[in-house]
Amino acid sequence: MVGSALVRKLNAEGYRNIVVRDSKEFDLRNQQAVNTFFDAEKPEYVFLAAAKVGGIHANNTFPAEFLYDNLMIETNIIHASYMHKVKKLLFLGSSCIYPKFAKQPIKEEYLLDGYLEPTNEAYAIAKITGIELCKFYRRQYGCDFISAMPTNLYGPGDNFNLEISHVMPALIRKIYVAKVSGEKEVVMWGTGTPRREFMHVDDLAAACYHLMEKYSAELHVNMGTGEDIEIGELAKLIKEIVGFEGEIVNDLTKPDGTPRKLLDVSLLNSIGFEHKIELKEGIQAVYSWAIENRVL
């Protein structure tokens, strides 16, 4: 999802010498494969969006894979970028790696200021390592490596598989299936009271491009909208967009995760970037995309 959005943005800006790879073409966890790629392609700028990602269920079920895969991907690419003298690299972290009970809104300096959310601890440790790698390669070797901390993302190309999807696509799929099946209710995990911030992936891609042009420092940059919504209210909004007339019921045996994750985006704004796509507009667009592409 993120990689495709970055390519769309770069194409829109007139770039045609874009080199991309996905996991089907070679394994980013394989150091030799990564080095062979850098030897052959000699990239000048790197957007490191590759990661093993998933929602609460996936993180809880496969913590070893989330830690190992993400550590290998980021260490291989960051080190290869240093060895091959890449001009600039942008590494993407995630807002879920901040402390579980971080003060709100979350400022960049709150990283490592408290205990992590247990349900995604493995993923968080890996992503924190990537951010620290960029910082220390910059400090020790003078590499122009920067990091960004995206909030929850959604958009075209999202994963609607209920076993591994995040909350937004999971709710869209559940509510859509309930509508077409004539069901009277949709079960939602937890209490519905946690608050989450959502950013359309095209806004994220525009923000990444902006940082690559305008930003060069050790401190990672929060990327978000500065606005959040209760998960229960999000479900009602999706219900309205999909046209489902049944009820949303809560499964209180399932975990809520972190109570709130709202990013302080004042640093991003000070660099000259603000989001453009509002939540309702963005959900309508991704729902239409999902219907058109038959991924629901």
C-alpha atoms as a PDB file:
ATOM      1  CA  MET A   1       0.000   0.000   0.000  1.00  0.00           C
ATOM      2  CA  VAL A   2       2.681   2.507   1.025  1.00  0.00           C
ATOM      3  CA  GLY A   3       5.096   1.533  -1.728  1.00  0.00           C
ATOM      4  CA  SER A   4       2.431   1.929  -4.415  1.00  0.00           C
ATOM      5  CA  ALA A   5       1.474   5.342  -3.036  1.00  0.00           C
ATOM      6  CA  LEU A   6       5.099   6.456  -3.081  1.00  0.00           C
ATOM      7  CA  VAL A   7       5.427   5.369  -6.720  1.00  0.00           C
ATOM      8  CA  ARG A   8       2.241   7.285  -7.611  1.00  0.00           C
ATOM      9  CA  LYS A   9       3.631  10.395  -5.937  1.00  0.00           C
ATOM     10  CA  LEU A  10       7.042  10.116  -7.600  1.00  0.00           C
ATOM     11  CA  ASN A  11       5.418   9.566 -10.995  1.00  0.00           C
ATOM     12  CA  ALA A  12       3.230  12.619 -10.433  1.00  0.00           C
ATOM     13  CA  GLU A  13       6.369  14.636  -9.689  1.00  0.00           C
ATOM     14  CA  GLY A  14       7.886  13.572 -13.013  1.00  0.00           C
ATOM     15  CA  TYR A  15      10.289  10.829 -11.871  1.00  0.00           C
ATOM     16  CA  ARG A  16      10.701   7.919 -14.252  1.00  0.00           C
ATOM     17  CA  ASN A  17      13.930   6.302 -12.997  1.00  0.00           C
ATOM     18  CA  ILE A  18      12.198   4.514 -10.121  1.00  0.00           C
ATOM     19  CA  VAL A  19      13.451   1.076  -9.084  1.00  0.00           C
ATOM     20  CA  VAL A  20      11.061  -1.051  -7.038  1.00  0.00           C
ATOM     21  CA  ARG A  21      11.052  -4.623  -5.777  1.00  0.00           C
ATOM     22  CA  ASP A  22       8.483  -6.610  -3.847  1.00  0.00           C
ATOM     23  CA  SER A  23       8.789  -9.710  -1.701  1.00  0.00           C
ATOM     24  CA  LYS A  24       7.943 -11.980  -4.644  1.00  0.00           C
ATOM     25  CA  GLU A  25      11.045 -10.817  -6.526  1.00  0.00           C
ATOM     26  CA  PHE A  26      13.614 -11.224  -3.775  1.00  0.00           C
ATOM     27  CA  ASP A  27      13.814 -11.684  -0.026  1.00  0.00           C
ATOM     28  CA  LEU A  28      14.822  -8.488   1.769  1.00  0.00           C
ATOM     29  CA  ARG A  29      15.718 -10.605   4.804  1.00  0.00           C
ATOM     30  CA  ASN A  30      18.568 -12.101   2.750  1.00  0.00           C
ATOM     31  CA  GLN A  31      21.656  -9.915   3.096  1.00  0.00           C
ATOM     32  CA  GLN A  32      23.313 -11.269  -0.048  1.00  0.00           C
ATOM     33  CA  ALA A  33      20.193 -10.633  -2.124  1.00  0.00           C
ATOM     34  CA  VAL A  34      19.997  -7.059  -0.847  1.00  0.00           C
ATOM     35  CA  ASN A  35      23.684  -6.419  -1.575  1.00  0.00           C
ATOM     36  CA  THR A  36      23.327  -7.890  -5.064  1.00  0.00           C
ATOM     37  CA  PHE A  37      20.404  -5.536  -5.703  1.00  0.00           C
ATOM     38  CA  PHE A  38      22.379  -2.486  -4.551  1.00  0.00           C
ATOM     39  CA  ASP A  39      25.387  -3.549  -6.636  1.00  0.00           C
ATOM     40  CA  ALA A  40      23.230  -3.856  -9.760  1.00  0.00           C
ATOM     41  CA  GLU A  41      20.867  -0.898  -9.396  1.00  0.00           C
ATOM     42  CA  LYS A  42      22.993   1.637  -7.458  1.00  0.00           C
ATOM     43  CA  PRO A  43      20.030   3.594  -6.034  1.00  0.00           C
ATOM     44  CA  GLU A  44      20.689   7.214  -5.077  1.00  0.00           C
ATOM     45  CA  TYR A  45      17.631   7.693  -2.831  1.00  0.00           C
ATOM     46  CA  VAL A  46      15.872   5.016  -0.791  1.00  0.00           C
ATOM     47  CA  PHE A  47      12.351   4.990   0.648  1.00  0.00           C
ATOM     48  CA  LEU A  48      12.350   2.079   3.104  1.00  0.00           C
ATOM     49  CA  ALA A  49       8.655   1.182   3.342  1.00  0.00           C
ATOM     50  CA  ALA A  50       9.048  -2.611   3.366  1.00  0.00           C
ATOM     51  CA  ALA A  51       7.913  -4.325   6.558  1.00  0.00           C
ATOM     52  CA  LYS A  52       5.951  -7.231   7.978  1.00  0.00           C
ATOM     53  CA  VAL A  53       2.800  -5.575   9.310  1.00  0.00           C
ATOM     54  CA  GLY A  54      -0.560  -6.575  10.771  1.00  0.00           C
ATOM     55  CA  GLY A  55      -3.171  -5.822  13.380  1.00  0.00           C
ATOM     56  CA  ILE A  56      -3.501  -6.950  17.006  1.00  0.00           C
ATOM     57  CA  HIS A  57      -4.295 -10.575  16.097  1.00  0.00           C
ATOM     58  CA  ALA A  58      -1.312 -10.971  13.765  1.00  0.00           C
ATOM     59  CA  ASN A  59       1.109  -9.246  16.146  1.00  0.00           C
ATOM     60  CA  ASN A  60      -0.065 -11.411  19.053  1.00  0.00           C
ATOM     61  CA  THR A  61       0.090 -14.646  17.074  1.00  0.00           C
ATOM     62  CA  PHE A  62       3.415 -14.234  15.240  1.00  0.00           C
ATOM     63  CA  PRO A  63       5.689 -12.096  17.461  1.00  0.00           C
ATOM     64  CA  ALA A  64       8.898 -13.933  16.514  1.00  0.00           C
ATOM     65  CA  GLU A  65       8.284 -13.379  12.810  1.00  0.00           C
ATOM     66  CA  PHE A  66       7.403  -9.724  13.371  1.00  0.00           C
ATOM     67  CA  LEU A  67      10.648  -9.160  15.275  1.00  0.00           C
ATOM     68  CA  TYR A  68      12.959 -11.225  13.058  1.00  0.00           C
ATOM     69  CA  ASP A  69      11.574 -10.227   9.654  1.00  0.00           C
ATOM     70  CA  ASN A  70      11.527  -6.508  10.389  1.00  0.00           C
ATOM     71  CA  LEU A  71      14.988  -6.507  11.976  1.00  0.00           C
ATOM     72  CA  MET A  72      16.484  -8.300   8.981  1.00  0.00           C
ATOM     73  CA  ILE A  73      14.755  -6.117   6.388  1.00  0.00           C
ATOM     74  CA  GLU A  74      15.805  -2.806   7.927  1.00  0.00           C
ATOM     75  CA  THR A  75      19.346  -3.756   8.950  1.00  0.00           C
ATOM     76  CA  ASN A  76      20.132  -5.196   5.519  1.00  0.00           C
ATOM     77  CA  ILE A  77      18.824  -2.166   3.618  1.00  0.00           C
ATOM     78  CA  ILE A  78      20.170   0.523   5.952  1.00  0.00           C
ATOM     79  CA  HIS A  79      23.639  -1.027   6.019  1.00  0.00           C
ATOM     80  CA  ALA A  80      23.649  -1.596   2.248  1.00  0.00           C
ATOM     81  CA  SER A  81      22.643   2.048   1.757  1.00  0.00           C
ATOM     82  CA  TYR A  82      25.652   3.087   3.830  1.00  0.00           C
ATOM     83  CA  MET A  83      28.032   0.723   2.024  1.00  0.00           C
ATOM     84  CA  HIS A  84      26.824   1.858  -1.414  1.00  0.00           C
ATOM     85  CA  LYS A  85      26.879   5.566  -0.527  1.00  0.00           C
ATOM     86  CA  VAL A  86      23.167   6.243  -0.987  1.00  0.00           C
ATOM     87  CA  LYS A  87      22.605  10.029  -0.962  1.00  0.00           C
ATOM     88  CA  LYS A  88      19.522   9.903   1.270  1.00  0.00           C
ATOM     89  CA  LEU A  89      17.327   7.281   2.928  1.00  0.00           C
ATOM     90  CA  LEU A  90      13.921   7.629   4.562  1.00  0.00           C
ATOM     91  CA  PHE A  91      12.917   4.893   7.007  1.00  0.00           C
ATOM     92  CA  LEU A  92       9.273   4.486   7.990  1.00  0.00           C
ATOM     93  CA  GLY A  93       8.496   3.537  11.579  1.00  0.00           C
ATOM     94  CA  SER A  94       4.995   3.423  13.073  1.00  0.00           C
ATOM     95  CA  SER A  95       3.082   5.314  15.742  1.00  0.00           C
ATOM     96  CA  CYS A  96       2.318   2.030  17.548  1.00  0.00           C
ATOM     97  CA  ILE A  97       5.903   1.858  18.786  1.00  0.00           C
ATOM     98  CA  TYR A  98       5.425   4.722  21.233  1.00  0.00           C
ATOM     99  CA  PRO A  99       4.830   3.822  24.913  1.00  0.00           C
ATOM    100  CA  LYS A 100       1.367   2.400  25.636  1.00  0.00           C
ATOM    101  CA  PHE A 101       0.468   5.223  28.024  1.00  0.00           C
ATOM    102  CA  ALA A 102       2.316   8.058  26.304  1.00  0.00           C
ATOM    103  CA  LYS A 103       1.019  11.560  26.991  1.00  0.00           C
ATOM    104  CA  GLN A 104      -1.332  12.814  24.277  1.00  0.00           C
ATOM    105  CA  PRO A 105      -0.783  14.120  21.709  1.00  0.00           C
ATOM    106  CA  ILE A 106       2.433  12.153  21.320  1.00  0.00           C
ATOM    107  CA  LYS A 107       5.568  14.177  20.691  1.00  0.00           C
ATOM    108  CA  GLU A 108       8.617  12.737  18.951  1.00  0.00           C
ATOM    109  CA  GLU A 109      10.686  12.866  22.143  1.00  0.00           C
ATOM    110  CA  TYR A 110       8.286  10.481  23.940  1.00  0.00           C
ATOM    111  CA  LEU A 111       9.833   7.471  22.169  1.00  0.00           C
ATOM    112  CA  LEU A 112      11.374   5.040  24.703  1.00  0.00           C
ATOM    113  CA  ASP A 113       9.770   7.006  27.552  1.00  0.00           C
ATOM    114  CA  GLY A 114       7.673   4.107  28.898  1.00  0.00           C
ATOM    115  CA  TYR A 115       6.483   0.516  28.506  1.00  0.00           C
ATOM    116  CA  LEU A 116       5.328  -0.713  25.110  1.00  0.00           C
ATOM    117  CA  GLU A 117       1.882  -2.092  24.291  1.00  0.00           C
ATOM    118  CA  PRO A 118       2.306  -5.877  24.892  1.00  0.00           C
ATOM    119  CA  THR A 119       0.216  -6.915  21.875  1.00  0.00           C
ATOM    120  CA  ASN A 120       2.704  -5.376  19.422  1.00  0.00           C
ATOM    121  CA  GLU A 121       5.919  -5.330  21.477  1.00  0.00           C
ATOM    122  CA  ALA A 122       7.932  -7.414  18.996  1.00  0.00           C
ATOM    123  CA  TYR A 123       7.055  -5.197  16.038  1.00  0.00           C
ATOM    124  CA  ALA A 124       7.737  -2.075  18.116  1.00  0.00           C
ATOM    125  CA  ILE A 125      11.192  -3.234  19.176  1.00  0.00           C
ATOM    126  CA  ALA A 126      12.128  -3.904  15.554  1.00  0.00           C
ATOM    127  CA  LYS A 127      10.914  -0.517  14.338  1.00  0.00           C
ATOM    128  CA  ILE A 128      12.604   1.326  17.196  1.00  0.00           C
ATOM    129  CA  THR A 129      15.831  -0.398  16.165  1.00  0.00           C
ATOM    130  CA  GLY A 130      15.420   0.905  12.614  1.00  0.00           C
ATOM    131  CA  ILE A 131      14.989   4.459  13.826  1.00  0.00           C
ATOM    132  CA  GLU A 132      18.042   4.141  16.071  1.00  0.00           C
ATOM    133  CA  LEU A 133      20.078   2.659  13.215  1.00  0.00           C
ATOM    134  CA  CYS A 134      19.322   5.694  11.047  1.00  0.00           C
ATOM    135  CA  LYS A 135      20.271   8.011  13.907  1.00  0.00           C
ATOM    136  CA  PHE A 136      23.572   6.315  14.640  1.00  0.00           C
ATOM    137  CA  TYR A 137      24.601   5.800  11.006  1.00  0.00           C
ATOM    138  CA  ARG A 138      24.027   9.542  10.607  1.00  0.00           C
ATOM    139  CA  ARG A 139      26.020  10.287  13.755  1.00  0.00           C
ATOM    140  CA  GLN A 140      28.930   7.899  13.124  1.00  0.00           C
ATOM    141  CA  TYR A 141      29.215   7.879   9.340  1.00  0.00           C
ATOM    142  CA  GLY A 142      27.549  11.137   8.303  1.00  0.00           C
ATOM    143  CA  CYS A 143      24.814   9.340   6.344  1.00  0.00           C
ATOM    144  CA  ASP A 144      21.804  11.469   5.441  1.00  0.00           C
ATOM    145  CA  PHE A 145      19.367   8.888   6.828  1.00  0.00           C
ATOM    146  CA  ILE A 146      16.076  10.172   8.280  1.00  0.00           C
ATOM    147  CA  SER A 147      13.057   8.493   9.875  1.00  0.00           C
ATOM    148  CA  ALA A 148       9.332   9.195   9.853  1.00  0.00           C
ATOM    149  CA  MET A 149       6.672   7.923  12.243  1.00  0.00           C
ATOM    150  CA  PRO A 150       3.368   7.406  10.377  1.00  0.00           C
ATOM    151  CA  THR A 151       0.079   7.139  12.203  1.00  0.00           C
ATOM    152  CA  ASN A 152      -2.484   4.483  11.203  1.00  0.00           C
ATOM    153  CA  LEU A 153      -2.648   4.384   7.408  1.00  0.00           C
ATOM    154  CA  TYR A 154      -5.394   3.377   4.986  1.00  0.00           C
ATOM    155  CA  GLY A 155      -6.027   3.650   1.275  1.00  0.00           C
ATOM    156  CA  PRO A 156      -5.888   1.759  -2.038  1.00  0.00           C
ATOM    157  CA  GLY A 157      -3.832  -1.397  -1.791  1.00  0.00           C
ATOM    158  CA  ASP A 158      -4.758  -2.038   1.831  1.00  0.00           C
ATOM    159  CA  ASN A 159      -5.021  -5.608   3.158  1.00  0.00           C
ATOM    160  CA  PHE A 160      -8.602  -6.747   3.816  1.00  0.00           C
ATOM    161  CA  ASN A 161      -7.699 -10.232   5.115  1.00  0.00           C
ATOM    162  CA  LEU A 162      -9.352 -10.411   8.546  1.00  0.00           C
ATOM    163  CA  GLU A 163      -6.559 -12.584   9.956  1.00  0.00           C
ATOM    164  CA  ILE A 164      -3.855  -9.939   9.506  1.00  0.00           C
ATOM    165  CA  SER A 165      -5.585  -6.666   8.616  1.00  0.00           C
ATOM    166  CA  HIS A 166      -5.593  -3.429  10.595  1.00  0.00           C
ATOM    167  CA  VAL A 167      -8.756  -1.978  12.131  1.00  0.00           C
ATOM    168  CA  MET A 168      -9.900   0.174   9.187  1.00  0.00           C
ATOM    169  CA  PRO A 169      -9.912  -2.504   6.430  1.00  0.00           C
ATOM    170  CA  ALA A 170     -11.160  -5.110   8.911  1.00  0.00           C
ATOM    171  CA  LEU A 171     -14.219  -3.013   9.765  1.00  0.00           C
ATOM    172  CA  ILE A 172     -14.880  -2.169   6.107  1.00  0.00           C
ATOM    173  CA  ARG A 173     -14.789  -5.857   5.165  1.00  0.00           C
ATOM    174  CA  LYS A 174     -16.895  -7.034   8.112  1.00  0.00           C
ATOM    175  CA  ILE A 175     -19.564  -4.394   7.547  1.00  0.00           C
ATOM    176  CA  TYR A 176     -19.651  -4.887   3.779  1.00  0.00           C
ATOM    177  CA  VAL A 177     -19.956  -8.685   4.112  1.00  0.00           C
ATOM    178  CA  ALA A 178     -22.740  -8.235   6.683  1.00  0.00           C
ATOM    179  CA  LYS A 179     -24.595  -5.936   4.308  1.00  0.00           C
ATOM    180  CA  VAL A 180     -24.438  -8.208   1.259  1.00  0.00           C
ATOM    181  CA  SER A 181     -25.219 -11.282   3.397  1.00  0.00           C
ATOM    182  CA  GLY A 182     -28.255  -9.654   4.991  1.00  0.00           C
ATOM    183  CA  GLU A 183     -26.871 -10.078   8.512  1.00  0.00           C
ATOM    184  CA  LYS A 184     -28.344  -8.084  11.381  1.00  0.00           C
ATOM    185  CA  GLU A 185     -25.157  -7.368  13.319  1.00  0.00           C
ATOM    186  CA  VAL A 186     -21.399  -6.980  13.048  1.00  0.00           C
ATOM    187  CA  VAL A 187     -19.082  -7.989  15.896  1.00  0.00           C
ATOM    188  CA  MET A 188     -16.349  -5.482  16.723  1.00  0.00           C
ATOM    189  CA  TRP A 189     -13.371  -6.324  18.926  1.00  0.00           C
ATOM    190  CA  GLY A 190     -13.113  -4.610  22.325  1.00  0.00           C
ATOM    191  CA  THR A 191     -15.073  -1.753  23.809  1.00  0.00           C
ATOM    192  CA  GLY A 192     -14.847   0.603  20.851  1.00  0.00           C
ATOM    193  CA  THR A 193     -13.556   3.375  23.120  1.00  0.00           C
ATOM    194  CA  PRO A 194      -9.868   3.498  22.079  1.00  0.00           C
ATOM    195  CA  ARG A 195      -9.109   6.489  19.907  1.00  0.00           C
ATOM    196  CA  ARG A 196      -7.087   6.272  16.711  1.00  0.00           C
ATOM    197  CA  GLU A 197      -5.756   8.722  14.162  1.00  0.00           C
ATOM    198  CA  PHE A 198      -5.938   7.812  10.464  1.00  0.00           C
ATOM    199  CA  MET A 199      -3.987   9.215   7.524  1.00  0.00           C
ATOM    200  CA  HIS A 200      -4.698   8.456   3.883  1.00  0.00           C
ATOM    201  CA  VAL A 201      -1.715   6.759   2.272  1.00  0.00           C
ATOM    202  CA  ASP A 202      -1.558   9.368  -0.514  1.00  0.00           C
ATOM    203  CA  ASP A 203      -1.110  12.061   2.135  1.00  0.00           C
ATOM    204  CA  LEU A 204       1.628   9.915   3.676  1.00  0.00           C
ATOM    205  CA  ALA A 205       3.406   9.596   0.331  1.00  0.00           C
ATOM    206  CA  ALA A 206       3.245  13.355  -0.191  1.00  0.00           C
ATOM    207  CA  ALA A 207       4.658  13.886   3.307  1.00  0.00           C
ATOM    208  CA  CYS A 208       7.522  11.447   2.647  1.00  0.00           C
ATOM    209  CA  TYR A 209       8.409  13.234  -0.576  1.00  0.00           C
ATOM    210  CA  HIS A 210       8.321  16.560   1.263  1.00  0.00           C
ATOM    211  CA  LEU A 211      10.696  15.278   3.957  1.00  0.00           C
ATOM    212  CA  MET A 212      13.138  13.916   1.409  1.00  0.00           C
ATOM    213  CA  GLU A 213      13.338  17.416  -0.059  1.00  0.00           C
ATOM    214  CA  LYS A 214      13.186  19.535   3.085  1.00  0.00           C
ATOM    215  CA  TYR A 215      14.382  17.620   6.173  1.00  0.00           C
ATOM    216  CA  SER A 216      17.746  16.376   7.403  1.00  0.00           C
ATOM    217  CA  ALA A 217      18.179  15.656  11.136  1.00  0.00           C
ATOM    218  CA  GLU A 218      18.460  12.845  13.697  1.00  0.00           C
ATOM    219  CA  LEU A 219      14.985  13.262  15.193  1.00  0.00           C
ATOM    220  CA  HIS A 220      12.261  11.190  13.559  1.00  0.00           C
ATOM    221  CA  VAL A 221       9.196  13.107  12.322  1.00  0.00           C
ATOM    222  CA  ASN A 222       5.598  12.246  13.242  1.00  0.00           C
ATOM    223  CA  MET A 223       3.312  11.904  10.223  1.00  0.00           C
ATOM    224  CA  GLY A 224      -0.410  12.241  10.772  1.00  0.00           C
ATOM    225  CA  THR A 225      -3.420  14.526  10.698  1.00  0.00           C
ATOM    226  CA  GLY A 226      -3.459  15.664  14.318  1.00  0.00           C
ATOM    227  CA  GLU A 227      -7.070  14.418  14.617  1.00  0.00           C
ATOM    228  CA  ASP A 228      -8.426  11.161  16.040  1.00  0.00           C
ATOM    229  CA  ILE A 229     -11.699   9.257  16.422  1.00  0.00           C
ATOM    230  CA  GLU A 230     -13.095   6.549  18.708  1.00  0.00           C
ATOM    231  CA  ILE A 231     -13.086   3.114  17.065  1.00  0.00           C
ATOM    232  CA  GLY A 232     -16.812   2.848  17.819  1.00  0.00           C
ATOM    233  CA  GLU A 233     -17.444   6.125  15.978  1.00  0.00           C
ATOM    234  CA  LEU A 234     -15.269   4.916  13.106  1.00  0.00           C
ATOM    235  CA  ALA A 235     -17.453   1.810  12.829  1.00  0.00           C
ATOM    236  CA  LYS A 236     -20.576   3.990  12.668  1.00  0.00           C
ATOM    237  CA  LEU A 237     -18.987   6.131   9.936  1.00  0.00           C
ATOM    238  CA  ILE A 238     -18.085   3.053   7.880  1.00  0.00           C
ATOM    239  CA  LYS A 239     -21.577   1.655   8.475  1.00  0.00           C
ATOM    240  CA  GLU A 240     -23.042   4.876   7.020  1.00  0.00           C
ATOM    241  CA  ILE A 241     -20.708   4.836   3.985  1.00  0.00           C
ATOM    242  CA  VAL A 242     -21.335   1.147   3.234  1.00  0.00           C
ATOM    243  CA  GLY A 243     -25.075   1.448   3.820  1.00  0.00           C
ATOM    244  CA  PHE A 244     -25.359  -1.291   6.448  1.00  0.00           C
ATOM    245  CA  GLU A 245     -28.558  -1.052   8.505  1.00  0.00           C
ATOM    246  CA  GLY A 246     -27.755  -3.613  11.211  1.00  0.00           C
ATOM    247  CA  GLU A 247     -26.132  -3.164  14.610  1.00  0.00           C
ATOM    248  CA  ILE A 248     -22.513  -2.991  15.751  1.00  0.00           C
ATOM    249  CA  VAL A 249     -21.960  -5.209  18.825  1.00  0.00           C
ATOM    250  CA  ASN A 250     -18.844  -5.378  20.978  1.00  0.00           C
ATOM    251  CA  ASP A 251     -16.858  -8.533  21.787  1.00  0.00           C
ATOM    252  CA  LEU A 252     -15.534  -7.610  25.211  1.00  0.00           C
ATOM    253  CA  THR A 253     -13.387 -10.763  25.389  1.00  0.00           C
ATOM    254  CA  LYS A 254     -11.057  -9.223  22.783  1.00  0.00           C
ATOM    255  CA  PRO A 255      -8.317  -6.689  23.628  1.00  0.00           C
ATOM    256  CA  ASP A 256      -8.551  -2.957  22.980  1.00  0.00           C
ATOM    257  CA  GLY A 257      -4.840  -2.333  22.562  1.00  0.00           C
ATOM    258  CA  THR A 258      -3.411   1.100  23.330  1.00  0.00           C
ATOM    259  CA  PRO A 259      -6.117   3.462  24.705  1.00  0.00           C
ATOM    260  CA  ARG A 260      -5.147   6.388  22.485  1.00  0.00           C
ATOM    261  CA  LYS A 261      -2.610   7.177  19.794  1.00  0.00           C
ATOM    262  CA  LEU A 262      -2.736  10.761  18.602  1.00  0.00           C
ATOM    263  CA  LEU A 263       0.433  12.217  17.155  1.00  0.00           C
ATOM    264  CA  ASP A 264       1.659  15.741  17.705  1.00  0.00           C
ATOM    265  CA  VAL A 265       2.370  16.813  14.117  1.00  0.00           C
ATOM    266  CA  SER A 266       3.646  20.298  14.883  1.00  0.00           C
ATOM    267  CA  LEU A 267       7.160  19.404  13.658  1.00  0.00           C
ATOM    268  CA  LEU A 268       5.795  18.131  10.340  1.00  0.00           C
ATOM    269  CA  ASN A 269       3.647  21.244  10.005  1.00  0.00           C
ATOM    270  CA  SER A 270       6.640  23.473  10.783  1.00  0.00           C
ATOM    271  CA  ILE A 271       8.537  21.836   7.905  1.00  0.00           C
ATOM    272  CA  GLY A 272       5.690  22.955   5.647  1.00  0.00           C
ATOM    273  CA  PHE A 273       3.384  19.945   5.261  1.00  0.00           C
ATOM    274  CA  GLU A 274      -0.277  19.442   6.229  1.00  0.00           C
ATOM    275  CA  HIS A 275      -2.631  16.625   5.237  1.00  0.00           C
ATOM    276  CA  LYS A 276      -5.319  17.260   2.592  1.00  0.00           C
ATOM    277  CA  ILE A 277      -7.604  14.186   2.589  1.00  0.00           C
ATOM    278  CA  GLU A 278     -10.246  14.217   5.354  1.00  0.00           C
ATOM    279  CA  LEU A 279     -11.369  10.958   6.948  1.00  0.00           C
ATOM    280  CA  LYS A 280     -14.874  10.563   5.517  1.00  0.00           C
ATOM    281  CA  GLU A 281     -13.706  11.467   2.018  1.00  0.00           C
ATOM    282  CA  GLY A 282     -10.807   9.030   2.315  1.00  0.00           C
ATOM    283  CA  ILE A 283     -12.962   6.126   3.546  1.00  0.00           C
ATOM    284  CA  GLN A 284     -15.456   6.678   0.739  1.00  0.00           C
ATOM    285  CA  ALA A 285     -12.607   6.571  -1.775  1.00  0.00           C
ATOM    286  CA  VAL A 286     -11.010   3.398  -0.387  1.00  0.00           C
ATOM    287  CA  TYR A 287     -14.407   1.663  -0.157  1.00  0.00           C
ATOM    288  CA  SER A 288     -15.070   2.480  -3.819  1.00  0.00           C
ATOM    289  CA  TRP A 289     -11.571   1.211  -4.709  1.00  0.00           C
ATOM    290  CA  ALA A 290     -12.159  -2.036  -2.809  1.00  0.00           C
ATOM    291  CA  ILE A 291     -15.492  -2.634  -4.579  1.00  0.00           C
ATOM    292  CA  GLU A 292     -14.009  -1.869  -7.997  1.00  0.00           C
ATOM    293  CA  ASN A 293     -11.045  -4.151  -7.401  1.00  0.00           C
ATOM    294  CA  ARG A 294     -13.117  -6.922  -5.808  1.00  0.00           C
ATOM    295  CA  VAL A 295     -10.957  -7.248  -2.714  1.00  0.00           C
ATOM    296  CA  LEU A 296     -13.868  -7.381  -0.270  1.00  0.00           C
END
